[in-house]
């Protein structure tokens, strides 16, 4: 499975950014796609994830500000980030986890999001 992420960049606090990630390859019929983020020296943390059956999870820190969506036909997931805060600054990684078969998890290349105060 290959994941290609797009978006990210530099924005002022209160601004918005949109990330997208397209998956290709051996994707199982049941899967979950989402976004994680990591600050240097910290653990990678879940931001939001979207099961292809419809379930959605958000980290408490982004609820009400970020919206995840996906296009199952295109195996693409999007993250709309609004009301960005300096603490949202991180490298954002797209993730796909197959829920059938090996249950393997795959990662995109990461995209930097920087929010200035």
Protein backbone atom coordinates (compact mmCIF):
# COMPACT_ATOMS: atom_id res chain seq x y z
CA UNK A 1 0.00 0.00 0.00
CA UNK A 2 1.25 3.46 -0.91
CA UNK A 3 0.02 6.66 0.66
CA UNK A 4 0.54 10.06 -0.95
CA UNK A 5 -0.23 13.06 1.22
CA UNK A 6 -0.81 16.62 0.06
CA UNK A 7 -1.31 19.91 1.83
CA UNK A 8 0.25 21.36 4.92
CA UNK A 9 2.27 24.53 5.14
CA UNK A 10 2.53 27.67 7.21
CA UNK A 11 -0.53 29.49 8.52
CA UNK A 12 -1.27 32.07 11.19
CA UNK A 13 -3.19 31.13 14.31
CA UNK A 14 -6.89 31.05 13.60
CA UNK A 15 -6.34 30.07 9.99
CA UNK A 16 -7.23 26.95 8.08
CA UNK A 17 -5.47 24.25 6.13
CA UNK A 18 -6.60 21.14 4.29
CA UNK A 19 -4.71 17.90 4.04
CA UNK A 20 -5.48 15.07 1.67
CA UNK A 21 -4.10 11.57 1.32
CA UNK A 22 -4.65 9.06 -1.45
CA UNK A 23 -4.06 5.35 -0.94
CA UNK A 24 -3.29 2.77 -3.58
CA UNK A 25 -2.37 -0.90 -3.60
CA UNK A 26 -3.70 -3.85 -1.62
CA UNK A 27 -6.36 -2.22 0.49
CA UNK A 28 -8.63 -4.56 2.38
CA UNK A 29 -12.41 -4.38 2.15
CA UNK A 30 -12.49 -3.16 5.75
CA UNK A 31 -10.01 -0.47 6.63
CA UNK A 32 -9.51 2.72 8.54
CA UNK A 33 -7.73 5.80 7.23
CA UNK A 34 -6.66 8.73 9.30
CA UNK A 35 -4.16 11.29 10.38
CA UNK A 36 -1.62 11.24 13.18
CA UNK A 37 0.83 13.95 14.15
CA UNK A 38 4.19 14.10 15.81
CA UNK A 39 6.25 16.81 17.43
CA UNK A 40 9.99 16.09 17.65
CA UNK A 41 10.72 14.27 20.89
CA UNK A 42 7.10 13.26 21.38
CA UNK A 43 5.10 10.16 20.53
CA UNK A 44 3.03 10.10 17.39
CA UNK A 45 -0.58 10.78 18.34
CA UNK A 46 -3.89 10.16 16.66
CA UNK A 47 -5.63 13.25 15.29
CA UNK A 48 -8.62 11.71 13.51
CA UNK A 49 -9.58 8.49 11.80
CA UNK A 50 -12.40 7.38 9.54
CA UNK A 51 -13.46 3.76 9.08
CA UNK A 52 -14.72 2.92 5.60
CA UNK A 53 -17.86 1.59 7.32
CA UNK A 54 -18.55 5.07 8.67
CA UNK A 55 -17.07 5.31 12.17
CA UNK A 56 -15.08 8.43 13.04
CA UNK A 57 -12.81 9.25 15.96
CA UNK A 58 -11.18 12.55 16.90
CA UNK A 59 -8.59 13.48 19.46
CA UNK A 60 -10.17 15.66 22.15
CA UNK A 61 -7.75 18.47 21.30
CA UNK A 62 -9.14 18.87 17.78
CA UNK A 63 -12.84 18.21 18.28
CA UNK A 64 -14.94 21.04 16.90
CA UNK A 65 -12.04 22.43 14.87
CA UNK A 66 -10.95 19.61 12.57
CA UNK A 67 -13.14 17.59 10.23
CA UNK A 68 -12.13 14.33 8.62
CA UNK A 69 -13.84 13.03 5.51
CA UNK A 70 -13.15 10.32 2.99
CA UNK A 71 -14.01 9.26 -0.51
CA UNK A 72 -14.15 5.48 -0.48
CA UNK A 73 -14.27 5.25 -4.26
CA UNK A 74 -10.95 7.10 -4.44
CA UNK A 75 -9.45 5.65 -1.24
CA UNK A 76 -8.74 9.21 -0.23
CA UNK A 77 -9.04 10.86 3.16
CA UNK A 78 -9.16 14.57 3.87
CA UNK A 79 -8.54 16.63 6.99
CA UNK A 80 -10.02 20.10 7.15
CA UNK A 81 -8.29 22.02 9.92
CA UNK A 82 -9.88 25.24 11.14
CA UNK A 83 -9.15 27.60 14.02
CA UNK A 84 -5.58 26.38 14.03
CA UNK A 85 -3.47 26.94 17.12
CA UNK A 86 0.31 27.07 17.54
CA UNK A 87 0.08 23.78 19.45
CA UNK A 88 -1.21 22.12 16.27
CA UNK A 89 2.25 22.57 14.79
CA UNK A 90 3.60 19.13 13.95
CA UNK A 91 4.39 16.73 11.15
CA UNK A 92 1.12 15.14 10.09
CA UNK A 93 1.17 11.56 8.86
CA UNK A 94 -1.51 9.81 6.87
CA UNK A 95 -2.23 6.26 7.96
CA UNK A 96 -4.15 3.33 6.57
CA UNK A 97 -4.75 0.16 8.55
CA UNK A 98 -6.21 -2.91 6.94
CA UNK A 99 -8.75 -4.54 9.23
CA UNK A 100 -8.75 -7.87 7.39
CA UNK A 101 -5.89 -10.23 6.65
CA UNK A 102 -2.61 -9.23 8.25
CA UNK A 103 -4.04 -6.05 9.76
CA UNK A 104 -0.95 -4.22 8.63
CA UNK A 105 -0.63 -0.47 9.06
CA UNK A 106 0.87 1.84 6.47
CA UNK A 107 2.19 5.40 6.70
CA UNK A 108 2.53 8.30 4.30
CA UNK A 109 5.62 10.47 4.07
CA UNK A 110 4.47 13.15 6.52
CA UNK A 111 3.68 16.78 5.85
CA UNK A 112 4.66 19.73 8.00
CA UNK A 113 1.97 21.97 9.46
CA UNK A 114 3.26 25.12 11.14
CA UNK A 115 0.95 27.53 12.93
CA UNK A 116 2.46 30.87 13.88
CA UNK A 117 1.19 32.91 16.80
